[in-house]
Amino acid sequence: MKITLEEIKKTAKQAKIAITEDEAALYTKQLSAVLNWVEELQSIDTSSISEDEAKLSAPFREDKAFQNSAAAQIKAAFNDSQDNYLKVKKVL
């Protein structure tokens, strides 16, 4: 799928992002390459693959809780805390 330079410029304008002509040309090339790759992936016939085969086969590690030795130092650096939460000034 080919993305045009005008589409990149229009999208940047809608997103209120200032880009140069060189950046627009680069993004046009990069985005077109990504969309071409997606089209290539969509053309692959996966009808012979069952759902069980498609599931991730990577081993998962067990989640283990651990104590962070820096937690006490971080908490000590704050003036105010409540219920194990650190209070910070409001940011507007």
PDB file of N, CA and C in Angstrom:
ATOM      1  N   MET A   1       0.845  -1.169   0.000  1.00  0.00           N
ATOM      2  CA  MET A   1       0.000   0.000   0.000  1.00  0.00           C
ATOM      3  C   MET A   1       0.894   1.237   0.000  1.00  0.00           C
ATOM      4  N   LYS A   2       0.628   2.104  -0.887  1.00  0.00           N
ATOM      5  CA  LYS A   2       1.448   3.301  -1.040  1.00  0.00           C
ATOM      6  C   LYS A   2       0.795   4.465  -0.299  1.00  0.00           C
ATOM      7  N   ILE A   3       1.546   5.084   0.567  1.00  0.00           N
ATOM      8  CA  ILE A   3       1.113   6.288   1.274  1.00  0.00           C
ATOM      9  C   ILE A   3       1.725   7.475   0.538  1.00  0.00           C
ATOM     10  N   THR A   4       0.934   8.495   0.310  1.00  0.00           N
ATOM     11  CA  THR A   4       1.443   9.646  -0.423  1.00  0.00           C
ATOM     12  C   THR A   4       2.007  10.692   0.529  1.00  0.00           C
ATOM     13  N   LEU A   5       2.835  11.531  -0.017  1.00  0.00           N
ATOM     14  CA  LEU A   5       3.427  12.628   0.737  1.00  0.00           C
ATOM     15  C   LEU A   5       2.327  13.553   1.266  1.00  0.00           C
ATOM     16  N   GLU A   6       1.292  13.760   0.477  1.00  0.00           N
ATOM     17  CA  GLU A   6       0.190  14.621   0.885  1.00  0.00           C
ATOM     18  C   GLU A   6      -0.550  14.041   2.087  1.00  0.00           C
ATOM     19  N   GLU A   7      -0.709  12.706   2.121  1.00  0.00           N
ATOM     20  CA  GLU A   7      -1.377  12.062   3.251  1.00  0.00           C
ATOM     21  C   GLU A   7      -0.563  12.230   4.534  1.00  0.00           C
ATOM     22  N   ILE A   8       0.740  12.133   4.415  1.00  0.00           N
ATOM     23  CA  ILE A   8       1.606  12.322   5.584  1.00  0.00           C
ATOM     24  C   ILE A   8       1.496  13.760   6.081  1.00  0.00           C
ATOM     25  N   LYS A   9       1.536  14.718   5.173  1.00  0.00           N
ATOM     26  CA  LYS A   9       1.442  16.129   5.557  1.00  0.00           C
ATOM     27  C   LYS A   9       0.086  16.436   6.190  1.00  0.00           C
ATOM     28  N   LYS A  10      -0.981  15.879   5.607  1.00  0.00           N
ATOM     29  CA  LYS A  10      -2.328  16.101   6.134  1.00  0.00           C
ATOM     30  C   LYS A  10      -2.455  15.521   7.538  1.00  0.00           C
ATOM     31  N   THR A  11      -1.934  14.324   7.727  1.00  0.00           N
ATOM     32  CA  THR A  11      -1.987  13.678   9.041  1.00  0.00           C
ATOM     33  C   THR A  11      -1.188  14.470  10.060  1.00  0.00           C
ATOM     34  N   ALA A  12      -0.019  14.948   9.677  1.00  0.00           N
ATOM     35  CA  ALA A  12       0.804  15.753  10.584  1.00  0.00           C
ATOM     36  C   ALA A  12       0.080  17.043  10.958  1.00  0.00           C
ATOM     37  N   LYS A  13      -0.576  17.651   9.994  1.00  0.00           N
ATOM     38  CA  LYS A  13      -1.316  18.890  10.255  1.00  0.00           C
ATOM     39  C   LYS A  13      -2.468  18.623  11.211  1.00  0.00           C
ATOM     40  N   GLN A  14      -3.207  17.522  10.987  1.00  0.00           N
ATOM     41  CA  GLN A  14      -4.328  17.173  11.860  1.00  0.00           C
ATOM     42  C   GLN A  14      -3.859  16.882  13.280  1.00  0.00           C
ATOM     43  N   ALA A  15      -2.678  16.296  13.391  1.00  0.00           N
ATOM     44  CA  ALA A  15      -2.121  15.978  14.708  1.00  0.00           C
ATOM     45  C   ALA A  15      -1.374  17.166  15.312  1.00  0.00           C
ATOM     46  N   LYS A  16      -1.327  18.267  14.558  1.00  0.00           N
ATOM     47  CA  LYS A  16      -0.623  19.478  14.988  1.00  0.00           C
ATOM     48  C   LYS A  16       0.843  19.191  15.294  1.00  0.00           C
ATOM     49  N   ILE A  17       1.465  18.442  14.382  1.00  0.00           N
ATOM     50  CA  ILE A  17       2.879  18.100  14.485  1.00  0.00           C
ATOM     51  C   ILE A  17       3.607  18.786  13.333  1.00  0.00           C
ATOM     52  N   ALA A  18       4.596  19.574  13.672  1.00  0.00           N
ATOM     53  CA  ALA A  18       5.384  20.250  12.644  1.00  0.00           C
ATOM     54  C   ALA A  18       6.462  19.303  12.135  1.00  0.00           C
ATOM     55  N   ILE A  19       6.445  19.030  10.835  1.00  0.00           N
ATOM     56  CA  ILE A  19       7.482  18.188  10.234  1.00  0.00           C
ATOM     57  C   ILE A  19       8.043  18.904   9.011  1.00  0.00           C
ATOM     58  N   THR A  20       9.301  18.616   8.737  1.00  0.00           N
ATOM     59  CA  THR A  20       9.956  19.216   7.573  1.00  0.00           C
ATOM     60  C   THR A  20       9.642  18.383   6.334  1.00  0.00           C
ATOM     61  N   GLU A  21      10.008  18.910   5.177  1.00  0.00           N
ATOM     62  CA  GLU A  21       9.815  18.175   3.918  1.00  0.00           C
ATOM     63  C   GLU A  21      10.614  16.868   3.931  1.00  0.00           C
ATOM     64  N   ASP A  22      11.839  16.935   4.470  1.00  0.00           N
ATOM     65  CA  ASP A  22      12.676  15.732   4.540  1.00  0.00           C
ATOM     66  C   ASP A  22      12.046  14.679   5.448  1.00  0.00           C
ATOM     67  N   GLU A  23      11.509  15.114   6.592  1.00  0.00           N
ATOM     68  CA  GLU A  23      10.858  14.175   7.508  1.00  0.00           C
ATOM     69  C   GLU A  23       9.614  13.573   6.855  1.00  0.00           C
ATOM     70  N   ALA A  24       8.835  14.403   6.165  1.00  0.00           N
ATOM     71  CA  ALA A  24       7.629  13.903   5.499  1.00  0.00           C
ATOM     72  C   ALA A  24       7.981  12.844   4.459  1.00  0.00           C
ATOM     73  N   ALA A  25       9.046  13.085   3.708  1.00  0.00           N
ATOM     74  CA  ALA A  25       9.477  12.107   2.704  1.00  0.00           C
ATOM     75  C   ALA A  25       9.939  10.810   3.369  1.00  0.00           C
ATOM     76  N   LEU A  26      10.673  10.936   4.473  1.00  0.00           N
ATOM     77  CA  LEU A  26      11.148   9.760   5.200  1.00  0.00           C
ATOM     78  C   LEU A  26       9.974   8.962   5.765  1.00  0.00           C
ATOM     79  N   TYR A  27       9.002   9.667   6.394  1.00  0.00           N
ATOM     80  CA  TYR A  27       7.850   8.984   6.974  1.00  0.00           C
ATOM     81  C   TYR A  27       7.000   8.321   5.904  1.00  0.00           C
ATOM     82  N   THR A  28       6.909   8.945   4.735  1.00  0.00           N
ATOM     83  CA  THR A  28       6.163   8.356   3.628  1.00  0.00           C
ATOM     84  C   THR A  28       6.778   7.013   3.238  1.00  0.00           C
ATOM     85  N   LYS A  29       8.093   7.003   3.120  1.00  0.00           N
ATOM     86  CA  LYS A  29       8.796   5.774   2.737  1.00  0.00           C
ATOM     87  C   LYS A  29       8.662   4.706   3.826  1.00  0.00           C
ATOM     88  N   GLN A  30       8.849   5.099   5.081  1.00  0.00           N
ATOM     89  CA  GLN A  30       8.800   4.137   6.184  1.00  0.00           C
ATOM     90  C   GLN A  30       7.399   3.571   6.378  1.00  0.00           C
ATOM     91  N   LEU A  31       6.389   4.432   6.354  1.00  0.00           N
ATOM     92  CA  LEU A  31       5.026   3.958   6.564  1.00  0.00           C
ATOM     93  C   LEU A  31       4.562   3.070   5.415  1.00  0.00           C
ATOM     94  N   SER A  32       4.954   3.405   4.207  1.00  0.00           N
ATOM     95  CA  SER A  32       4.613   2.559   3.056  1.00  0.00           C
ATOM     96  C   SER A  32       5.245   1.178   3.204  1.00  0.00           C
ATOM     97  N   ALA A  33       6.476   1.132   3.695  1.00  0.00           N
ATOM     98  CA  ALA A  33       7.148  -0.154   3.897  1.00  0.00           C
ATOM     99  C   ALA A  33       6.431  -0.988   4.947  1.00  0.00           C
ATOM    100  N   VAL A  34       5.997  -0.365   6.027  1.00  0.00           N
ATOM    101  CA  VAL A  34       5.277  -1.087   7.085  1.00  0.00           C
ATOM    102  C   VAL A  34       3.960  -1.627   6.549  1.00  0.00           C
ATOM    103  N   LEU A  35       3.217  -0.799   5.820  1.00  0.00           N
ATOM    104  CA  LEU A  35       1.932  -1.239   5.291  1.00  0.00           C
ATOM    105  C   LEU A  35       2.089  -2.322   4.230  1.00  0.00           C
ATOM    106  N   ASN A  36       3.149  -2.261   3.456  1.00  0.00           N
ATOM    107  CA  ASN A  36       3.432  -3.336   2.491  1.00  0.00           C
ATOM    108  C   ASN A  36       3.716  -4.646   3.208  1.00  0.00           C
ATOM    109  N   TRP A  37       4.428  -4.575   4.308  1.00  0.00           N
ATOM    110  CA  TRP A  37       4.726  -5.768   5.095  1.00  0.00           C
ATOM    111  C   TRP A  37       3.446  -6.358   5.676  1.00  0.00           C
ATOM    112  N   VAL A  38       2.548  -5.496   6.175  1.00  0.00           N
ATOM    113  CA  VAL A  38       1.270  -5.969   6.713  1.00  0.00           C
ATOM    114  C   VAL A  38       0.452  -6.641   5.606  1.00  0.00           C
ATOM    115  N   GLU A  39       0.433  -6.055   4.419  1.00  0.00           N
ATOM    116  CA  GLU A  39      -0.269  -6.683   3.289  1.00  0.00           C
ATOM    117  C   GLU A  39       0.312  -8.062   2.980  1.00  0.00           C
ATOM    118  N   GLU A  40       1.635  -8.167   3.049  1.00  0.00           N
ATOM    119  CA  GLU A  40       2.286  -9.449   2.794  1.00  0.00           C
ATOM    120  C   GLU A  40       1.870 -10.477   3.845  1.00  0.00           C
ATOM    121  N   LEU A  41       1.786 -10.056   5.105  1.00  0.00           N
ATOM    122  CA  LEU A  41       1.369 -10.965   6.170  1.00  0.00           C
ATOM    123  C   LEU A  41      -0.081 -11.411   5.983  1.00  0.00           C
ATOM    124  N   GLN A  42      -0.936 -10.487   5.527  1.00  0.00           N
ATOM    125  CA  GLN A  42      -2.333 -10.821   5.333  1.00  0.00           C
ATOM    126  C   GLN A  42      -2.537 -11.811   4.191  1.00  0.00           C
ATOM    127  N   SER A  43      -1.599 -11.890   3.289  1.00  0.00           N
ATOM    128  CA  SER A  43      -1.743 -12.799   2.156  1.00  0.00           C
ATOM    129  C   SER A  43      -1.353 -14.236   2.503  1.00  0.00           C
ATOM    130  N   ILE A  44      -0.809 -14.462   3.671  1.00  0.00           N
ATOM    131  CA  ILE A  44      -0.397 -15.806   4.072  1.00  0.00           C
ATOM    132  C   ILE A  44      -1.627 -16.639   4.431  1.00  0.00           C
ATOM    133  N   ASP A  45      -1.691 -17.839   3.893  1.00  0.00           N
ATOM    134  CA  ASP A  45      -2.808 -18.742   4.159  1.00  0.00           C
ATOM    135  C   ASP A  45      -2.583 -19.432   5.499  1.00  0.00           C
ATOM    136  N   THR A  46      -3.424 -19.118   6.470  1.00  0.00           N
ATOM    137  CA  THR A  46      -3.303 -19.717   7.798  1.00  0.00           C
ATOM    138  C   THR A  46      -4.466 -20.654   8.106  1.00  0.00           C
ATOM    139  N   SER A  47      -5.231 -21.011   7.091  1.00  0.00           N
ATOM    140  CA  SER A  47      -6.415 -21.849   7.312  1.00  0.00           C
ATOM    141  C   SER A  47      -6.058 -23.250   7.808  1.00  0.00           C
ATOM    142  N   SER A  48      -4.863 -23.710   7.530  1.00  0.00           N
ATOM    143  CA  SER A  48      -4.480 -25.060   7.953  1.00  0.00           C
ATOM    144  C   SER A  48      -3.902 -25.097   9.370  1.00  0.00           C
ATOM    145  N   ILE A  49      -3.821 -23.965  10.020  1.00  0.00           N
ATOM    146  CA  ILE A  49      -3.255 -23.908  11.371  1.00  0.00           C
ATOM    147  C   ILE A  49      -4.400 -23.856  12.373  1.00  0.00           C
ATOM    148  N   SER A  50      -4.388 -24.777  13.329  1.00  0.00           N
ATOM    149  CA  SER A  50      -5.443 -24.800  14.346  1.00  0.00           C
ATOM    150  C   SER A  50      -5.133 -23.748  15.417  1.00  0.00           C
ATOM    151  N   GLU A  51      -6.162 -23.433  16.209  1.00  0.00           N
ATOM    152  CA  GLU A  51      -5.972 -22.446  17.269  1.00  0.00           C
ATOM    153  C   GLU A  51      -4.935 -22.913  18.284  1.00  0.00           C
ATOM    154  N   ASP A  52      -4.909 -24.213  18.552  1.00  0.00           N
ATOM    155  CA  ASP A  52      -3.949 -24.747  19.520  1.00  0.00           C
ATOM    156  C   ASP A  52      -2.512 -24.548  19.043  1.00  0.00           C
ATOM    157  N   GLU A  53      -2.291 -24.704  17.755  1.00  0.00           N
ATOM    158  CA  GLU A  53      -0.952 -24.520  17.200  1.00  0.00           C
ATOM    159  C   GLU A  53      -0.540 -23.053  17.188  1.00  0.00           C
ATOM    160  N   ALA A  54      -1.525 -22.174  17.093  1.00  0.00           N
ATOM    161  CA  ALA A  54      -1.237 -20.749  16.992  1.00  0.00           C
ATOM    162  C   ALA A  54      -0.946 -20.108  18.347  1.00  0.00           C
ATOM    163  N   LYS A  55      -1.263 -20.796  19.430  1.00  0.00           N
ATOM    164  CA  LYS A  55      -1.028 -20.225  20.762  1.00  0.00           C
ATOM    165  C   LYS A  55       0.464 -20.107  21.014  1.00  0.00           C
ATOM    166  N   LEU A  56       0.793 -19.159  21.881  1.00  0.00           N
ATOM    167  CA  LEU A  56       2.204 -18.943  22.207  1.00  0.00           C
ATOM    168  C   LEU A  56       2.812 -20.176  22.845  1.00  0.00           C
ATOM    169  N   SER A  57       3.973 -20.520  22.398  1.00  0.00           N
ATOM    170  CA  SER A  57       4.644 -21.684  22.959  1.00  0.00           C
ATOM    171  C   SER A  57       5.827 -21.269  23.836  1.00  0.00           C
ATOM    172  N   ALA A  58       6.025 -19.969  24.003  1.00  0.00           N
ATOM    173  CA  ALA A  58       7.146 -19.497  24.813  1.00  0.00           C
ATOM    174  C   ALA A  58       6.867 -19.800  26.282  1.00  0.00           C
ATOM    175  N   PRO A  59       7.857 -20.260  26.994  1.00  0.00           N
ATOM    176  CA  PRO A  59       7.652 -20.549  28.411  1.00  0.00           C
ATOM    177  C   PRO A  59       7.503 -19.243  29.197  1.00  0.00           C
ATOM    178  N   PHE A  60       6.590 -19.244  30.126  1.00  0.00           N
ATOM    179  CA  PHE A  60       6.384 -18.079  30.973  1.00  0.00           C
ATOM    180  C   PHE A  60       7.088 -18.308  32.295  1.00  0.00           C
ATOM    181  N   ARG A  61       7.658 -17.253  32.812  1.00  0.00           N
ATOM    182  CA  ARG A  61       8.311 -17.383  34.109  1.00  0.00           C
ATOM    183  C   ARG A  61       7.287 -17.141  35.207  1.00  0.00           C
ATOM    184  N   GLU A  62       7.534 -17.695  36.348  1.00  0.00           N
ATOM    185  CA  GLU A  62       6.647 -17.514  37.484  1.00  0.00           C
ATOM    186  C   GLU A  62       6.890 -16.136  38.088  1.00  0.00           C
ATOM    187  N   ASP A  63       5.806 -15.425  38.398  1.00  0.00           N
ATOM    188  CA  ASP A  63       5.948 -14.124  39.051  1.00  0.00           C
ATOM    189  C   ASP A  63       6.332 -14.341  40.502  1.00  0.00           C
ATOM    190  N   LYS A  64       7.343 -13.630  40.930  1.00  0.00           N
ATOM    191  CA  LYS A  64       7.802 -13.747  42.310  1.00  0.00           C
ATOM    192  C   LYS A  64       7.921 -12.350  42.897  1.00  0.00           C
ATOM    193  N   ALA A  65       7.332 -12.167  44.063  1.00  0.00           N
ATOM    194  CA  ALA A  65       7.431 -10.890  44.754  1.00  0.00           C
ATOM    195  C   ALA A  65       8.801 -10.787  45.423  1.00  0.00           C
ATOM    196  N   PHE A  66       9.326  -9.583  45.453  1.00  0.00           N
ATOM    197  CA  PHE A  66      10.592  -9.367  46.130  1.00  0.00           C
ATOM    198  C   PHE A  66      10.587  -7.990  46.760  1.00  0.00           C
ATOM    199  N   GLN A  67      11.394  -7.809  47.757  1.00  0.00           N
ATOM    200  CA  GLN A  67      11.510  -6.526  48.442  1.00  0.00           C
ATOM    201  C   GLN A  67      12.545  -5.673  47.732  1.00  0.00           C
ATOM    202  N   ASN A  68      12.178  -4.442  47.470  1.00  0.00           N
ATOM    203  CA  ASN A  68      13.092  -3.507  46.843  1.00  0.00           C
ATOM    204  C   ASN A  68      13.863  -2.792  47.944  1.00  0.00           C
ATOM    205  N   SER A  69      15.149  -2.947  47.950  1.00  0.00           N
ATOM    206  CA  SER A  69      15.964  -2.354  49.019  1.00  0.00           C
ATOM    207  C   SER A  69      15.986  -0.829  48.949  1.00  0.00           C
ATOM    208  N   ALA A  70      15.677  -0.251  47.802  1.00  0.00           N
ATOM    209  CA  ALA A  70      15.700   1.206  47.656  1.00  0.00           C
ATOM    210  C   ALA A  70      14.386   1.839  48.105  1.00  0.00           C
ATOM    211  N   ALA A  71      13.348   1.045  48.356  1.00  0.00           N
ATOM    212  CA  ALA A  71      12.040   1.590  48.707  1.00  0.00           C
ATOM    213  C   ALA A  71      12.096   2.447  49.962  1.00  0.00           C
ATOM    214  N   ALA A  72      12.811   2.014  50.956  1.00  0.00           N
ATOM    215  CA  ALA A  72      12.908   2.783  52.205  1.00  0.00           C
ATOM    216  C   ALA A  72      13.610   4.114  51.970  1.00  0.00           C
ATOM    217  N   GLN A  73      14.640   4.112  51.154  1.00  0.00           N
ATOM    218  CA  GLN A  73      15.349   5.354  50.852  1.00  0.00           C
ATOM    219  C   GLN A  73      14.457   6.326  50.081  1.00  0.00           C
ATOM    220  N   ILE A  74      13.693   5.802  49.139  1.00  0.00           N
ATOM    221  CA  ILE A  74      12.797   6.653  48.353  1.00  0.00           C
ATOM    222  C   ILE A  74      11.714   7.244  49.255  1.00  0.00           C
ATOM    223  N   LYS A  75      11.139   6.406  50.097  1.00  0.00           N
ATOM    224  CA  LYS A  75      10.094   6.875  51.010  1.00  0.00           C
ATOM    225  C   LYS A  75      10.639   7.923  51.975  1.00  0.00           C
ATOM    226  N   ALA A  76      11.854   7.757  52.429  1.00  0.00           N
ATOM    227  CA  ALA A  76      12.467   8.714  53.356  1.00  0.00           C
ATOM    228  C   ALA A  76      12.709  10.063  52.689  1.00  0.00           C
ATOM    229  N   ALA A  77      12.853  10.084  51.377  1.00  0.00           N
ATOM    230  CA  ALA A  77      13.107  11.336  50.657  1.00  0.00           C
ATOM    231  C   ALA A  77      11.853  12.192  50.531  1.00  0.00           C
ATOM    232  N   PHE A  78      10.667  11.628  50.772  1.00  0.00           N
ATOM    233  CA  PHE A  78       9.413  12.372  50.679  1.00  0.00           C
ATOM    234  C   PHE A  78       9.015  12.891  52.048  1.00  0.00           C
ATOM    235  N   ASN A  79       8.463  14.095  52.065  1.00  0.00           N
ATOM    236  CA  ASN A  79       8.042  14.697  53.329  1.00  0.00           C
ATOM    237  C   ASN A  79       6.732  14.111  53.834  1.00  0.00           C
ATOM    238  N   ASP A  80       5.870  13.700  52.923  1.00  0.00           N
ATOM    239  CA  ASP A  80       4.536  13.287  53.313  1.00  0.00           C
ATOM    240  C   ASP A  80       4.158  11.974  52.639  1.00  0.00           C
ATOM    241  N   SER A  81       3.590  11.060  53.421  1.00  0.00           N
ATOM    242  CA  SER A  81       3.081   9.811  52.865  1.00  0.00           C
ATOM    243  C   SER A  81       1.861   9.386  53.662  1.00  0.00           C
ATOM    244  N   GLN A  82       1.010   8.583  53.028  1.00  0.00           N
ATOM    245  CA  GLN A  82      -0.193   8.105  53.681  1.00  0.00           C
ATOM    246  C   GLN A  82      -0.512   6.727  53.144  1.00  0.00           C
ATOM    247  N   ASP A  83      -0.733   5.778  54.024  1.00  0.00           N
ATOM    248  CA  ASP A  83      -1.077   4.401  53.646  1.00  0.00           C
ATOM    249  C   ASP A  83      -0.106   3.831  52.627  1.00  0.00           C
ATOM    250  N   ASN A  84       1.161   4.028  52.847  1.00  0.00           N
ATOM    251  CA  ASN A  84       2.226   3.508  51.984  1.00  0.00           C
ATOM    252  C   ASN A  84       2.235   4.137  50.580  1.00  0.00           C
ATOM    253  N   TYR A  85       1.533   5.281  50.407  1.00  0.00           N
ATOM    254  CA  TYR A  85       1.572   6.050  49.171  1.00  0.00           C
ATOM    255  C   TYR A  85       2.326   7.344  49.438  1.00  0.00           C
ATOM    256  N   LEU A  86       3.055   7.817  48.469  1.00  0.00           N
ATOM    257  CA  LEU A  86       3.814   9.050  48.609  1.00  0.00           C
ATOM    258  C   LEU A  86       2.991  10.206  48.080  1.00  0.00           C
ATOM    259  N   LYS A  87       2.891  11.265  48.874  1.00  0.00           N
ATOM    260  CA  LYS A  87       2.127  12.434  48.455  1.00  0.00           C
ATOM    261  C   LYS A  87       3.060  13.410  47.749  1.00  0.00           C
ATOM    262  N   VAL A  88       2.572  13.951  46.642  1.00  0.00           N
ATOM    263  CA  VAL A  88       3.322  14.948  45.890  1.00  0.00           C
ATOM    264  C   VAL A  88       2.431  16.167  45.695  1.00  0.00           C
ATOM    265  N   LYS A  89       3.053  17.296  45.354  1.00  0.00           N
ATOM    266  CA  LYS A  89       2.293  18.511  45.110  1.00  0.00           C
ATOM    267  C   LYS A  89       1.482  18.357  43.834  1.00  0.00           C
ATOM    268  N   LYS A  90       0.328  19.042  43.797  1.00  0.00           N
ATOM    269  CA  LYS A  90      -0.532  19.027  42.630  1.00  0.00           C
ATOM    270  C   LYS A  90       0.207  19.675  41.450  1.00  0.00           C
ATOM    271  N   VAL A  91       0.098  19.050  40.299  1.00  0.00           N
ATOM    272  CA  VAL A  91       0.728  19.571  39.070  1.00  0.00           C
ATOM    273  C   VAL A  91      -0.390  20.018  38.149  1.00  0.00           C
ATOM    274  N   LEU A  92      -0.329  21.268  37.771  1.00  0.00           N
ATOM    275  CA  LEU A  92      -1.360  21.789  36.860  1.00  0.00           C
ATOM    276  C   LEU A  92      -0.770  22.151  35.549  1.00  0.00           C
TER     277      LEU A  92
END
